[in-house]
Amino acid sequence: MITELAQIEILPGHEEEFERAVGEAVPLFLGAEGCEGIDLHRSTERPSRYRLMVQWETVEHHTHLFRQSAGYERWRALAGPHFAAPPQVEHLYSVLTP
């Protein structure tokens, strides 16, 4: 399992609209091949900063299959107008299993 971690800076004042846009996009992610789940977190200290975490079977499910899909285009159309800067994305895997 791979976790896509995207740090997203939102235009000030767009927080509620962005959260609604992500909510509308959840089915696009969950319907994508290899997507195992999605979660959105908002920073307490910086209210215009979010971290989107999407669980994928593999990196390729995100980078090749999803990013070349109509679902990705729709996601960007919904969320993109609220971005203050391009999201910073990295892929993580767990190394600790308690």
Protein backbone atom coordinates (compact mmCIF):
# COMPACT_ATOMS: atom_id res chain seq x y z
CA MET A 1 0.00 0.00 0.00
CA ILE A 2 1.21 3.48 -0.94
CA THR A 3 -0.05 6.73 0.58
CA GLU A 4 -0.12 9.77 -1.65
CA LEU A 5 0.46 12.79 0.58
CA ALA A 6 -0.41 16.12 -1.03
CA GLN A 7 0.17 19.37 0.81
CA ILE A 8 -2.27 21.85 -0.65
CA GLU A 9 -2.24 25.59 0.00
CA ILE A 10 -5.67 27.16 -0.61
CA LEU A 11 -6.45 30.76 -1.46
CA PRO A 12 -7.50 32.53 1.76
CA GLY A 13 -11.27 32.63 2.01
CA HIS A 14 -11.72 29.56 -0.23
CA GLU A 15 -11.54 26.96 2.53
CA GLU A 16 -15.24 26.05 2.65
CA GLU A 17 -15.52 25.86 -1.14
CA PHE A 18 -12.39 23.70 -1.30
CA GLU A 19 -13.72 21.30 1.33
CA ARG A 20 -16.99 20.98 -0.60
CA ALA A 21 -15.04 20.37 -3.83
CA VAL A 22 -13.02 17.58 -2.20
CA GLY A 23 -16.22 16.06 -0.83
CA GLU A 24 -17.68 16.07 -4.32
CA ALA A 25 -14.50 14.47 -5.69
CA VAL A 26 -14.39 11.57 -3.19
CA PRO A 27 -16.36 9.22 -5.50
CA LEU A 28 -13.90 10.01 -8.31
CA PHE A 29 -11.04 8.73 -6.18
CA LEU A 30 -12.88 5.77 -4.69
CA GLY A 31 -14.01 4.71 -8.17
CA ALA A 32 -10.46 4.81 -9.52
CA GLU A 33 -8.64 1.54 -10.06
CA GLY A 34 -6.31 0.84 -7.14
CA CYS A 35 -7.68 3.49 -4.77
CA GLU A 36 -8.13 2.12 -1.25
CA GLY A 37 -9.26 5.29 0.58
CA ILE A 38 -9.03 9.05 0.91
CA ASP A 39 -8.80 11.49 3.81
CA LEU A 40 -8.41 15.26 4.11
CA HIS A 41 -6.82 17.10 7.04
CA ARG A 42 -6.74 20.84 7.72
CA SER A 43 -3.95 22.57 9.60
CA THR A 44 -4.87 24.19 12.89
CA GLU A 45 -1.95 26.62 12.72
CA ARG A 46 -2.37 27.47 9.03
CA PRO A 47 -6.07 27.21 8.16
CA SER A 48 -5.43 27.55 4.41
CA ARG A 49 -3.14 24.48 4.42
CA TYR A 50 -4.51 21.00 3.87
CA ARG A 51 -3.04 17.54 3.56
CA LEU A 52 -4.83 15.13 1.27
CA MET A 53 -3.98 11.49 1.85
CA VAL A 54 -5.01 8.89 -0.69
CA GLN A 55 -4.21 5.21 -0.30
CA TRP A 56 -3.26 3.42 -3.52
CA GLU A 57 -2.32 -0.18 -4.25
CA THR A 58 0.81 1.07 -6.08
CA VAL A 59 2.39 4.38 -7.09
CA GLU A 60 1.46 3.59 -10.70
CA HIS A 61 -2.24 3.44 -9.81
CA HIS A 62 -1.92 7.10 -8.89
CA THR A 63 0.68 8.43 -11.31
CA HIS A 64 -0.29 6.54 -14.45
CA LEU A 65 -3.87 5.30 -14.21
CA PHE A 66 -5.57 8.01 -12.16
CA ARG A 67 -3.67 11.00 -13.53
CA GLN A 68 -4.59 10.01 -17.08
CA SER A 69 -8.27 9.55 -16.30
CA ALA A 70 -11.39 11.66 -16.69
CA GLY A 71 -11.77 11.42 -12.89
CA TYR A 72 -8.47 13.25 -12.44
CA GLU A 73 -9.52 15.96 -14.89
CA ARG A 74 -12.77 16.42 -12.96
CA TRP A 75 -10.87 16.51 -9.63
CA ARG A 76 -8.64 19.28 -10.94
CA ALA A 77 -11.64 21.20 -12.29
CA LEU A 78 -13.33 21.01 -8.88
CA ALA A 79 -10.34 21.74 -6.62
CA GLY A 80 -7.89 23.59 -8.86
CA PRO A 81 -9.57 27.01 -8.76
CA HIS A 82 -8.96 27.10 -5.00
CA PHE A 83 -5.22 26.30 -5.13
CA ALA A 84 -2.88 29.13 -4.09
CA ALA A 85 0.06 27.11 -5.47
CA PRO A 86 0.54 23.72 -7.11
CA PRO A 87 0.16 20.90 -4.57
CA GLN A 88 3.34 19.30 -3.26
CA VAL A 89 2.91 15.55 -3.70
CA GLU A 90 4.95 12.63 -2.45
CA HIS A 91 4.34 8.91 -2.05
CA LEU A 92 4.92 7.14 1.26
CA TYR A 93 4.97 3.56 2.49
CA SER A 94 4.84 2.32 6.07
CA VAL A 95 8.00 1.03 7.70
CA LEU A 96 6.53 0.58 11.18
CA THR A 97 3.94 -2.01 12.05
CA PRO A 98 3.35 -2.02 15.82
